[in-house]
């Protein structure tokens, strides 16, 4: 009985982990969103476009940097959806697309 209970608990924990946002994120879809909406300012590899940075008179972080990569997923999702400072929200992304973009940005730091 105890063994059955323990295996049931493990199964429930594993099932709940598989429902965690971002685990099923699609990097290819995230890259497509990034290329369309982010690349012109943040560069192909996450390095800020210096001309855009100078024109907007803002400090843009390298998306590969410790400062960006150490931010929580919730914080980065909020930046994508609501914008931050002079950065406008990423247009037209919701739900799974936000997770896809986040997964791609995370992949830049690896």
PDB file of N, CA and C in Angstrom:
ATOM      1  N   UNK A   1       0.823  -1.193   0.000  1.00  0.00           N
ATOM      2  CA  UNK A   1       0.000   0.000   0.000  1.00  0.00           C
ATOM      3  C   UNK A   1       0.864   1.253   0.000  1.00  0.00           C
ATOM      4  N   UNK A   2       1.883   1.259   0.850  1.00  0.00           N
ATOM      5  CA  UNK A   2       2.772   2.411   0.952  1.00  0.00           C
ATOM      6  C   UNK A   2       3.500   2.648  -0.374  1.00  0.00           C
ATOM      7  N   UNK A   3       3.929   1.552  -1.010  1.00  0.00           N
ATOM      8  CA  UNK A   3       4.633   1.645  -2.293  1.00  0.00           C
ATOM      9  C   UNK A   3       3.710   2.250  -3.365  1.00  0.00           C
ATOM     10  N   UNK A   4       2.463   1.826  -3.376  1.00  0.00           N
ATOM     11  CA  UNK A   4       1.488   2.365  -4.325  1.00  0.00           C
ATOM     12  C   UNK A   4       1.262   3.851  -4.080  1.00  0.00           C
ATOM     13  N   UNK A   5       1.155   4.256  -2.807  1.00  0.00           N
ATOM     14  CA  UNK A   5       0.948   5.660  -2.471  1.00  0.00           C
ATOM     15  C   UNK A   5       2.147   6.497  -2.921  1.00  0.00           C
ATOM     16  N   UNK A   6       3.353   5.983  -2.670  1.00  0.00           N
ATOM     17  CA  UNK A   6       4.564   6.710  -3.045  1.00  0.00           C
ATOM     18  C   UNK A   6       4.661   6.855  -4.564  1.00  0.00           C
ATOM     19  N   UNK A   7       4.351   5.825  -5.315  1.00  0.00           N
ATOM     20  CA  UNK A   7       4.418   5.922  -6.775  1.00  0.00           C
ATOM     21  C   UNK A   7       3.341   6.869  -7.309  1.00  0.00           C
ATOM     22  N   UNK A   8       2.192   6.926  -6.644  1.00  0.00           N
ATOM     23  CA  UNK A   8       1.136   7.862  -7.038  1.00  0.00           C
ATOM     24  C   UNK A   8       1.582   9.302  -6.801  1.00  0.00           C
ATOM     25  N   UNK A   9       2.221   9.543  -5.672  1.00  0.00           N
ATOM     26  CA  UNK A   9       2.718  10.889  -5.370  1.00  0.00           C
ATOM     27  C   UNK A   9       3.758  11.312  -6.396  1.00  0.00           C
ATOM     28  N   UNK A  10       4.673  10.426  -6.729  1.00  0.00           N
ATOM     29  CA  UNK A  10       5.701  10.731  -7.740  1.00  0.00           C
ATOM     30  C   UNK A  10       5.039  11.024  -9.081  1.00  0.00           C
ATOM     31  N   UNK A  11       4.043  10.240  -9.463  1.00  0.00           N
ATOM     32  CA  UNK A  11       3.351  10.466 -10.735  1.00  0.00           C
ATOM     33  C   UNK A  11       2.657  11.830 -10.756  1.00  0.00           C
ATOM     34  N   UNK A  12       2.040  12.207  -9.648  1.00  0.00           N
ATOM     35  CA  UNK A  12       1.366  13.511  -9.568  1.00  0.00           C
ATOM     36  C   UNK A  12       2.383  14.645  -9.683  1.00  0.00           C
ATOM     37  N   UNK A  13       3.507  14.511  -9.005  1.00  0.00           N
ATOM     38  CA  UNK A  13       4.550  15.549  -9.081  1.00  0.00           C
ATOM     39  C   UNK A  13       5.070  15.669 -10.499  1.00  0.00           C
ATOM     40  N   UNK A  14       5.359  14.558 -11.135  1.00  0.00           N
ATOM     41  CA  UNK A  14       5.860  14.604 -12.522  1.00  0.00           C
ATOM     42  C   UNK A  14       4.825  15.203 -13.469  1.00  0.00           C
ATOM     43  N   UNK A  15       3.570  14.870 -13.272  1.00  0.00           N
ATOM     44  CA  UNK A  15       2.510  15.436 -14.117  1.00  0.00           C
ATOM     45  C   UNK A  15       2.410  16.937 -13.925  1.00  0.00           C
ATOM     46  N   UNK A  16       2.534  17.403 -12.690  1.00  0.00           N
ATOM     47  CA  UNK A  16       2.443  18.841 -12.447  1.00  0.00           C
ATOM     48  C   UNK A  16       3.629  19.579 -13.050  1.00  0.00           C
ATOM     49  N   UNK A  17       4.803  18.961 -13.034  1.00  0.00           N
ATOM     50  CA  UNK A  17       5.969  19.597 -13.641  1.00  0.00           C
ATOM     51  C   UNK A  17       5.820  19.725 -15.147  1.00  0.00           C
ATOM     52  N   UNK A  18       5.162  18.764 -15.764  1.00  0.00           N
ATOM     53  CA  UNK A  18       4.997  18.827 -17.215  1.00  0.00           C
ATOM     54  C   UNK A  18       4.024  19.924 -17.623  1.00  0.00           C
ATOM     55  N   UNK A  19       3.250  20.448 -16.670  1.00  0.00           N
ATOM     56  CA  UNK A  19       2.322  21.542 -16.952  1.00  0.00           C
ATOM     57  C   UNK A  19       2.954  22.903 -16.710  1.00  0.00           C
ATOM     58  N   UNK A  20       4.181  22.913 -16.236  1.00  0.00           N
ATOM     59  CA  UNK A  20       4.883  24.170 -15.939  1.00  0.00           C
ATOM     60  C   UNK A  20       5.037  24.988 -17.220  1.00  0.00           C
ATOM     61  N   UNK A  21       4.712  26.299 -17.199  1.00  0.00           N
ATOM     62  CA  UNK A  21       4.868  27.133 -18.379  1.00  0.00           C
ATOM     63  C   UNK A  21       6.308  27.096 -18.881  1.00  0.00           C
ATOM     64  N   UNK A  22       6.460  27.057 -20.168  1.00  0.00           N
ATOM     65  CA  UNK A  22       7.783  27.122 -20.759  1.00  0.00           C
ATOM     66  C   UNK A  22       8.405  25.772 -21.052  1.00  0.00           C
ATOM     67  N   UNK A  23       7.944  24.688 -20.404  1.00  0.00           N
ATOM     68  CA  UNK A  23       8.542  23.389 -20.657  1.00  0.00           C
ATOM     69  C   UNK A  23       8.239  22.899 -22.066  1.00  0.00           C
ATOM     70  N   UNK A  24       7.101  23.275 -22.597  1.00  0.00           N
ATOM     71  CA  UNK A  24       6.727  22.846 -23.936  1.00  0.00           C
ATOM     72  C   UNK A  24       6.983  23.945 -24.966  1.00  0.00           C
ATOM     73  N   UNK A  25       7.759  24.950 -24.587  1.00  0.00           N
ATOM     74  CA  UNK A  25       8.006  26.082 -25.486  1.00  0.00           C
ATOM     75  C   UNK A  25       8.715  25.613 -26.746  1.00  0.00           C
ATOM     76  N   UNK A  26       8.421  26.279 -27.828  1.00  0.00           N
ATOM     77  CA  UNK A  26       8.958  25.952 -29.142  1.00  0.00           C
ATOM     78  C   UNK A  26      10.022  26.977 -29.507  1.00  0.00           C
ATOM     79  N   UNK A  27      11.294  26.559 -29.469  1.00  0.00           N
ATOM     80  CA  UNK A  27      12.395  27.482 -29.756  1.00  0.00           C
ATOM     81  C   UNK A  27      12.336  28.021 -31.180  1.00  0.00           C
ATOM     82  N   UNK A  28      11.943  27.182 -32.121  1.00  0.00           N
ATOM     83  CA  UNK A  28      11.860  27.620 -33.525  1.00  0.00           C
ATOM     84  C   UNK A  28      10.812  28.731 -33.664  1.00  0.00           C
ATOM     85  N   UNK A  29       9.674  28.541 -33.026  1.00  0.00           N
ATOM     86  CA  UNK A  29       8.629  29.573 -33.059  1.00  0.00           C
ATOM     87  C   UNK A  29       9.109  30.821 -32.327  1.00  0.00           C
ATOM     88  N   UNK A  30       9.809  30.634 -31.207  1.00  0.00           N
ATOM     89  CA  UNK A  30      10.351  31.770 -30.461  1.00  0.00           C
ATOM     90  C   UNK A  30      11.351  32.565 -31.273  1.00  0.00           C
ATOM     91  N   UNK A  31      12.200  31.863 -32.030  1.00  0.00           N
ATOM     92  CA  UNK A  31      13.171  32.549 -32.893  1.00  0.00           C
ATOM     93  C   UNK A  31      12.461  33.340 -33.979  1.00  0.00           C
ATOM     94  N   UNK A  32      11.408  32.776 -34.538  1.00  0.00           N
ATOM     95  CA  UNK A  32      10.647  33.486 -35.574  1.00  0.00           C
ATOM     96  C   UNK A  32      10.044  34.775 -35.024  1.00  0.00           C
ATOM     97  N   UNK A  33       9.502  34.711 -33.807  1.00  0.00           N
ATOM     98  CA  UNK A  33       8.949  35.914 -33.170  1.00  0.00           C
ATOM     99  C   UNK A  33      10.069  36.913 -32.922  1.00  0.00           C
ATOM    100  N   UNK A  34      11.179  36.431 -32.374  1.00  0.00           N
ATOM    101  CA  UNK A  34      12.329  37.288 -32.077  1.00  0.00           C
ATOM    102  C   UNK A  34      12.826  37.971 -33.356  1.00  0.00           C
ATOM    103  N   UNK A  35      12.996  37.199 -34.420  1.00  0.00           N
ATOM    104  CA  UNK A  35      13.488  37.757 -35.688  1.00  0.00           C
ATOM    105  C   UNK A  35      12.565  38.849 -36.223  1.00  0.00           C
ATOM    106  N   UNK A  36      11.269  38.663 -36.045  1.00  0.00           N
ATOM    107  CA  UNK A  36      10.289  39.628 -36.552  1.00  0.00           C
ATOM    108  C   UNK A  36      10.165  40.864 -35.658  1.00  0.00           C
ATOM    109  N   UNK A  37      10.155  40.664 -34.349  1.00  0.00           N
ATOM    110  CA  UNK A  37       9.806  41.758 -33.442  1.00  0.00           C
ATOM    111  C   UNK A  37      10.959  42.329 -32.630  1.00  0.00           C
ATOM    112  N   UNK A  38      12.065  41.604 -32.488  1.00  0.00           N
ATOM    113  CA  UNK A  38      13.098  42.004 -31.537  1.00  0.00           C
ATOM    114  C   UNK A  38      14.470  42.236 -32.167  1.00  0.00           C
ATOM    115  N   UNK A  39      14.763  41.503 -33.205  1.00  0.00           N
ATOM    116  CA  UNK A  39      16.102  41.466 -33.796  1.00  0.00           C
ATOM    117  C   UNK A  39      16.616  42.828 -34.240  1.00  0.00           C
ATOM    118  N   UNK A  40      15.745  43.683 -34.744  1.00  0.00           N
ATOM    119  CA  UNK A  40      16.212  44.979 -35.259  1.00  0.00           C
ATOM    120  C   UNK A  40      16.835  45.839 -34.164  1.00  0.00           C
ATOM    121  N   UNK A  41      16.371  45.698 -32.931  1.00  0.00           N
ATOM    122  CA  UNK A  41      16.943  46.463 -31.818  1.00  0.00           C
ATOM    123  C   UNK A  41      17.953  45.646 -31.016  1.00  0.00           C
ATOM    124  N   UNK A  42      17.653  44.354 -30.807  1.00  0.00           N
ATOM    125  CA  UNK A  42      18.475  43.528 -29.928  1.00  0.00           C
ATOM    126  C   UNK A  42      19.504  42.684 -30.669  1.00  0.00           C
ATOM    127  N   UNK A  43      19.548  42.782 -31.987  1.00  0.00           N
ATOM    128  CA  UNK A  43      20.542  42.046 -32.758  1.00  0.00           C
ATOM    129  C   UNK A  43      20.230  40.565 -32.863  1.00  0.00           C
ATOM    130  N   UNK A  44      20.865  39.913 -33.824  1.00  0.00           N
ATOM    131  CA  UNK A  44      20.608  38.502 -34.093  1.00  0.00           C
ATOM    132  C   UNK A  44      20.958  37.610 -32.908  1.00  0.00           C
ATOM    133  N   UNK A  45      21.973  38.007 -32.150  1.00  0.00           N
ATOM    134  CA  UNK A  45      22.426  37.164 -31.041  1.00  0.00           C
ATOM    135  C   UNK A  45      22.138  37.768 -29.670  1.00  0.00           C
ATOM    136  N   UNK A  46      21.320  38.810 -29.612  1.00  0.00           N
ATOM    137  CA  UNK A  46      20.973  39.441 -28.342  1.00  0.00           C
ATOM    138  C   UNK A  46      21.815  40.654 -28.006  1.00  0.00           C
ATOM    139  N   UNK A  47      22.818  40.944 -28.842  1.00  0.00           N
ATOM    140  CA  UNK A  47      23.678  42.107 -28.622  1.00  0.00           C
ATOM    141  C   UNK A  47      22.966  43.348 -29.136  1.00  0.00           C
ATOM    142  N   UNK A  48      22.823  44.387 -28.317  1.00  0.00           N
ATOM    143  CA  UNK A  48      22.078  45.583 -28.739  1.00  0.00           C
ATOM    144  C   UNK A  48      22.629  46.211 -30.017  1.00  0.00           C
ATOM    145  N   UNK A  49      21.703  46.710 -30.826  1.00  0.00           N
ATOM    146  CA  UNK A  49      22.051  47.459 -32.019  1.00  0.00           C
ATOM    147  C   UNK A  49      22.475  48.857 -31.552  1.00  0.00           C
ATOM    148  N   UNK A  50      23.750  49.161 -31.698  1.00  0.00           N
ATOM    149  CA  UNK A  50      24.281  50.421 -31.161  1.00  0.00           C
ATOM    150  C   UNK A  50      23.652  51.651 -31.804  1.00  0.00           C
ATOM    151  N   UNK A  51      23.317  51.575 -33.090  1.00  0.00           N
ATOM    152  CA  UNK A  51      22.688  52.713 -33.762  1.00  0.00           C
ATOM    153  C   UNK A  51      21.311  53.005 -33.163  1.00  0.00           C
ATOM    154  N   UNK A  52      20.546  51.961 -32.881  1.00  0.00           N
ATOM    155  CA  UNK A  52      19.221  52.129 -32.274  1.00  0.00           C
ATOM    156  C   UNK A  52      19.382  52.658 -30.848  1.00  0.00           C
ATOM    157  N   UNK A  53      20.326  52.096 -30.132  1.00  0.00           N
ATOM    158  CA  UNK A  53      20.577  52.534 -28.750  1.00  0.00           C
ATOM    159  C   UNK A  53      20.910  54.024 -28.719  1.00  0.00           C
ATOM    160  N   UNK A  54      21.760  54.460 -29.642  1.00  0.00           N
ATOM    161  CA  UNK A  54      22.160  55.867 -29.699  1.00  0.00           C
ATOM    162  C   UNK A  54      20.982  56.751 -30.120  1.00  0.00           C
ATOM    163  N   UNK A  55      20.236  56.321 -31.126  1.00  0.00           N
ATOM    164  CA  UNK A  55      19.104  57.117 -31.621  1.00  0.00           C
ATOM    165  C   UNK A  55      18.025  57.296 -30.554  1.00  0.00           C
ATOM    166  N   UNK A  56      17.772  56.244 -29.782  1.00  0.00           N
ATOM    167  CA  UNK A  56      16.739  56.313 -28.748  1.00  0.00           C
ATOM    168  C   UNK A  56      17.255  56.868 -27.424  1.00  0.00           C
ATOM    169  N   UNK A  57      18.575  57.053 -27.364  1.00  0.00           N
ATOM    170  CA  UNK A  57      19.217  57.555 -26.147  1.00  0.00           C
ATOM    171  C   UNK A  57      18.838  56.703 -24.932  1.00  0.00           C
ATOM    172  N   UNK A  58      19.046  55.403 -25.085  1.00  0.00           N
ATOM    173  CA  UNK A  58      18.756  54.459 -24.013  1.00  0.00           C
ATOM    174  C   UNK A  58      19.918  53.488 -23.851  1.00  0.00           C
ATOM    175  N   UNK A  59      20.002  52.925 -22.676  1.00  0.00           N
ATOM    176  CA  UNK A  59      20.941  51.840 -22.424  1.00  0.00           C
ATOM    177  C   UNK A  59      20.180  50.533 -22.640  1.00  0.00           C
ATOM    178  N   UNK A  60      20.579  49.753 -23.610  1.00  0.00           N
ATOM    179  CA  UNK A  60      19.944  48.451 -23.844  1.00  0.00           C
ATOM    180  C   UNK A  60      20.876  47.373 -23.338  1.00  0.00           C
ATOM    181  N   UNK A  61      20.316  46.386 -22.658  1.00  0.00           N
ATOM    182  CA  UNK A  61      21.102  45.284 -22.129  1.00  0.00           C
ATOM    183  C   UNK A  61      21.323  44.229 -23.199  1.00  0.00           C
ATOM    184  N   UNK A  62      22.470  43.618 -23.150  1.00  0.00           N
ATOM    185  CA  UNK A  62      22.746  42.454 -23.979  1.00  0.00           C
ATOM    186  C   UNK A  62      21.875  41.325 -23.424  1.00  0.00           C
ATOM    187  N   UNK A  63      21.057  40.710 -24.254  1.00  0.00           N
ATOM    188  CA  UNK A  63      20.136  39.682 -23.783  1.00  0.00           C
ATOM    189  C   UNK A  63      20.851  38.425 -23.296  1.00  0.00           C
ATOM    190  N   UNK A  64      22.128  38.284 -23.649  1.00  0.00           N
ATOM    191  CA  UNK A  64      22.927  37.154 -23.171  1.00  0.00           C
ATOM    192  C   UNK A  64      23.512  37.426 -21.788  1.00  0.00           C
ATOM    193  N   UNK A  65      23.455  38.666 -21.347  1.00  0.00           N
ATOM    194  CA  UNK A  65      24.136  39.090 -20.125  1.00  0.00           C
ATOM    195  C   UNK A  65      23.532  38.477 -18.864  1.00  0.00           C
ATOM    196  N   UNK A  66      24.346  38.449 -17.826  1.00  0.00           N
ATOM    197  CA  UNK A  66      23.914  37.955 -16.518  1.00  0.00           C
ATOM    198  C   UNK A  66      22.747  38.794 -16.006  1.00  0.00           C
ATOM    199  N   UNK A  67      22.779  40.104 -16.242  1.00  0.00           N
ATOM    200  CA  UNK A  67      21.718  41.007 -15.772  1.00  0.00           C
ATOM    201  C   UNK A  67      20.356  40.608 -16.340  1.00  0.00           C
ATOM    202  N   UNK A  68      20.328  40.243 -17.603  1.00  0.00           N
ATOM    203  CA  UNK A  68      19.057  39.853 -18.224  1.00  0.00           C
ATOM    204  C   UNK A  68      18.713  38.412 -17.874  1.00  0.00           C
ATOM    205  N   UNK A  69      19.658  37.519 -18.028  1.00  0.00           N
ATOM    206  CA  UNK A  69      19.397  36.097 -17.809  1.00  0.00           C
ATOM    207  C   UNK A  69      19.046  35.762 -16.361  1.00  0.00           C
ATOM    208  N   UNK A  70      19.453  36.618 -15.423  1.00  0.00           N
ATOM    209  CA  UNK A  70      19.134  36.354 -14.015  1.00  0.00           C
ATOM    210  C   UNK A  70      17.744  36.852 -13.620  1.00  0.00           C
ATOM    211  N   UNK A  71      17.095  37.587 -14.503  1.00  0.00           N
ATOM    212  CA  UNK A  71      15.731  38.044 -14.209  1.00  0.00           C
ATOM    213  C   UNK A  71      14.784  36.851 -14.254  1.00  0.00           C
ATOM    214  N   UNK A  72      13.718  36.930 -13.487  1.00  0.00           N
ATOM    215  CA  UNK A  72      12.759  35.821 -13.442  1.00  0.00           C
ATOM    216  C   UNK A  72      11.994  35.714 -14.761  1.00  0.00           C
ATOM    217  N   UNK A  73      11.461  34.526 -15.009  1.00  0.00           N
ATOM    218  CA  UNK A  73      10.631  34.326 -16.195  1.00  0.00           C
ATOM    219  C   UNK A  73       9.435  35.278 -16.169  1.00  0.00           C
ATOM    220  N   UNK A  74       8.827  35.436 -14.997  1.00  0.00           N
ATOM    221  CA  UNK A  74       7.659  36.325 -14.874  1.00  0.00           C
ATOM    222  C   UNK A  74       8.033  37.760 -15.233  1.00  0.00           C
ATOM    223  N   UNK A  75       9.200  38.193 -14.804  1.00  0.00           N
ATOM    224  CA  UNK A  75       9.662  39.546 -15.092  1.00  0.00           C
ATOM    225  C   UNK A  75       9.904  39.732 -16.592  1.00  0.00           C
ATOM    226  N   UNK A  76      10.554  38.762 -17.218  1.00  0.00           N
ATOM    227  CA  UNK A  76      10.814  38.878 -18.655  1.00  0.00           C
ATOM    228  C   UNK A  76       9.524  38.786 -19.470  1.00  0.00           C
ATOM    229  N   UNK A  77       8.583  37.952 -19.031  1.00  0.00           N
ATOM    230  CA  UNK A  77       7.283  37.894 -19.715  1.00  0.00           C
ATOM    231  C   UNK A  77       6.595  39.263 -19.634  1.00  0.00           C
ATOM    232  N   UNK A  78       6.667  39.890 -18.468  1.00  0.00           N
ATOM    233  CA  UNK A  78       6.035  41.199 -18.275  1.00  0.00           C
ATOM    234  C   UNK A  78       6.661  42.235 -19.217  1.00  0.00           C
ATOM    235  N   UNK A  79       7.977  42.198 -19.373  1.00  0.00           N
ATOM    236  CA  UNK A  79       8.648  43.118 -20.286  1.00  0.00           C
ATOM    237  C   UNK A  79       8.145  42.888 -21.708  1.00  0.00           C
ATOM    238  N   UNK A  80       8.029  41.621 -22.119  1.00  0.00           N
ATOM    239  CA  UNK A  80       7.558  41.308 -23.472  1.00  0.00           C
ATOM    240  C   UNK A  80       6.127  41.785 -23.698  1.00  0.00           C
ATOM    241  N   UNK A  81       5.270  41.581 -22.713  1.00  0.00           N
ATOM    242  CA  UNK A  81       3.840  41.867 -22.866  1.00  0.00           C
ATOM    243  C   UNK A  81       3.494  43.329 -22.603  1.00  0.00           C
ATOM    244  N   UNK A  82       4.193  43.961 -21.641  1.00  0.00           N
ATOM    245  CA  UNK A  82       3.853  45.336 -21.254  1.00  0.00           C
ATOM    246  C   UNK A  82       4.889  46.369 -21.686  1.00  0.00           C
ATOM    247  N   UNK A  83       6.086  45.922 -22.043  1.00  0.00           N
ATOM    248  CA  UNK A  83       7.165  46.844 -22.354  1.00  0.00           C
ATOM    249  C   UNK A  83       7.870  47.275 -21.081  1.00  0.00           C
ATOM    250  N   UNK A  84       8.945  48.060 -21.269  1.00  0.00           N
ATOM    251  CA  UNK A  84       9.695  48.564 -20.123  1.00  0.00           C
ATOM    252  C   UNK A  84      10.493  49.775 -20.586  1.00  0.00           C
ATOM    253  N   UNK A  85      10.378  50.870 -19.851  1.00  0.00           N
ATOM    254  CA  UNK A  85      11.074  52.084 -20.259  1.00  0.00           C
ATOM    255  C   UNK A  85      10.596  52.520 -21.640  1.00  0.00           C
ATOM    256  N   UNK A  86      11.539  52.754 -22.539  1.00  0.00           N
ATOM    257  CA  UNK A  86      11.172  53.153 -23.908  1.00  0.00           C
ATOM    258  C   UNK A  86      10.812  51.972 -24.802  1.00  0.00           C
ATOM    259  N   UNK A  87      11.068  50.748 -24.297  1.00  0.00           N
ATOM    260  CA  UNK A  87      10.728  49.565 -25.087  1.00  0.00           C
ATOM    261  C   UNK A  87       9.232  49.332 -25.048  1.00  0.00           C
ATOM    262  N   UNK A  88       8.657  49.265 -26.217  1.00  0.00           N
ATOM    263  CA  UNK A  88       7.225  48.996 -26.323  1.00  0.00           C
ATOM    264  C   UNK A  88       6.977  47.496 -26.177  1.00  0.00           C
ATOM    265  N   UNK A  89       5.734  47.110 -25.837  1.00  0.00           N
ATOM    266  CA  UNK A  89       5.417  45.679 -25.754  1.00  0.00           C
ATOM    267  C   UNK A  89       5.630  45.005 -27.110  1.00  0.00           C
ATOM    268  N   UNK A  90       5.944  43.728 -27.070  1.00  0.00           N
ATOM    269  CA  UNK A  90       6.053  42.963 -28.312  1.00  0.00           C
ATOM    270  C   UNK A  90       4.633  42.799 -28.834  1.00  0.00           C
ATOM    271  N   UNK A  91       4.407  43.296 -30.026  1.00  0.00           N
ATOM    272  CA  UNK A  91       3.067  43.352 -30.598  1.00  0.00           C
ATOM    273  C   UNK A  91       2.546  41.966 -30.990  1.00  0.00           C
ATOM    274  N   UNK A  92       1.295  41.711 -30.602  1.00  0.00           N
ATOM    275  CA  UNK A  92       0.575  40.538 -31.080  1.00  0.00           C
ATOM    276  C   UNK A  92       0.969  39.195 -30.490  1.00  0.00           C
ATOM    277  N   UNK A  93       1.677  39.172 -29.372  1.00  0.00           N
ATOM    278  CA  UNK A  93       1.991  37.861 -28.792  1.00  0.00           C
ATOM    279  C   UNK A  93       1.222  37.667 -27.501  1.00  0.00           C
ATOM    280  N   UNK A  94       0.676  36.483 -27.356  1.00  0.00           N
ATOM    281  CA  UNK A  94      -0.042  36.099 -26.146  1.00  0.00           C
ATOM    282  C   UNK A  94       0.184  34.610 -25.911  1.00  0.00           C
ATOM    283  N   UNK A  95      -0.174  34.164 -24.737  1.00  0.00           N
ATOM    284  CA  UNK A  95      -0.167  32.738 -24.422  1.00  0.00           C
ATOM    285  C   UNK A  95       1.136  32.036 -24.715  1.00  0.00           C
ATOM    286  N   UNK A  96       1.044  30.976 -25.490  1.00  0.00           N
ATOM    287  CA  UNK A  96       2.201  30.135 -25.798  1.00  0.00           C
ATOM    288  C   UNK A  96       3.284  30.897 -26.545  1.00  0.00           C
ATOM    289  N   UNK A  97       2.906  31.894 -27.330  1.00  0.00           N
ATOM    290  CA  UNK A  97       3.902  32.672 -28.083  1.00  0.00           C
ATOM    291  C   UNK A  97       4.841  33.415 -27.133  1.00  0.00           C
ATOM    292  N   UNK A  98       4.325  33.874 -26.004  1.00  0.00           N
ATOM    293  CA  UNK A  98       5.154  34.547 -25.007  1.00  0.00           C
ATOM    294  C   UNK A  98       6.165  33.553 -24.438  1.00  0.00           C
ATOM    295  N   UNK A  99       5.709  32.333 -24.155  1.00  0.00           N
ATOM    296  CA  UNK A  99       6.607  31.293 -23.654  1.00  0.00           C
ATOM    297  C   UNK A  99       7.660  30.921 -24.698  1.00  0.00           C
ATOM    298  N   UNK A 100       7.254  30.868 -25.957  1.00  0.00           N
ATOM    299  CA  UNK A 100       8.201  30.555 -27.033  1.00  0.00           C
ATOM    300  C   UNK A 100       9.289  31.621 -27.120  1.00  0.00           C
ATOM    301  N   UNK A 101       8.885  32.885 -27.071  1.00  0.00           N
ATOM    302  CA  UNK A 101       9.851  33.980 -27.127  1.00  0.00           C
ATOM    303  C   UNK A 101      10.771  33.943 -25.909  1.00  0.00           C
ATOM    304  N   UNK A 102      10.226  33.724 -24.746  1.00  0.00           N
ATOM    305  CA  UNK A 102      11.033  33.644 -23.529  1.00  0.00           C
ATOM    306  C   UNK A 102      12.050  32.510 -23.631  1.00  0.00           C
ATOM    307  N   UNK A 103      11.605  31.362 -24.117  1.00  0.00           N
ATOM    308  CA  UNK A 103      12.527  30.229 -24.258  1.00  0.00           C
ATOM    309  C   UNK A 103      13.661  30.567 -25.211  1.00  0.00           C
ATOM    310  N   UNK A 104      13.346  31.286 -26.292  1.00  0.00           N
ATOM    311  CA  UNK A 104      14.397  31.667 -27.234  1.00  0.00           C
ATOM    312  C   UNK A 104      15.376  32.663 -26.589  1.00  0.00           C
ATOM    313  N   UNK A 105      14.855  33.652 -25.871  1.00  0.00           N
ATOM    314  CA  UNK A 105      15.733  34.612 -25.194  1.00  0.00           C
ATOM    315  C   UNK A 105      16.609  33.889 -24.179  1.00  0.00           C
ATOM    316  N   UNK A 106      16.052  32.949 -23.454  1.00  0.00           N
ATOM    317  CA  UNK A 106      16.851  32.156 -22.509  1.00  0.00           C
ATOM    318  C   UNK A 106      17.959  31.384 -23.237  1.00  0.00           C
ATOM    319  N   UNK A 107      17.642  30.884 -24.431  1.00  0.00           N
ATOM    320  CA  UNK A 107      18.636  30.106 -25.182  1.00  0.00           C
ATOM    321  C   UNK A 107      19.832  30.965 -25.610  1.00  0.00           C
ATOM    322  N   UNK A 108      19.627  32.272 -25.724  1.00  0.00           N
ATOM    323  CA  UNK A 108      20.729  33.169 -26.098  1.00  0.00           C
ATOM    324  C   UNK A 108      21.797  33.214 -25.013  1.00  0.00           C
ATOM    325  N   UNK A 109      21.388  32.978 -23.783  1.00  0.00           N
ATOM    326  CA  UNK A 109      22.319  33.029 -22.660  1.00  0.00           C
ATOM    327  C   UNK A 109      23.121  31.757 -22.457  1.00  0.00           C
ATOM    328  N   UNK A 110      22.880  30.761 -23.274  1.00  0.00           N
ATOM    329  CA  UNK A 110      23.580  29.467 -23.089  1.00  0.00           C
ATOM    330  C   UNK A 110      24.767  29.333 -24.002  1.00  0.00           C
TER     331      UNK A 110
END
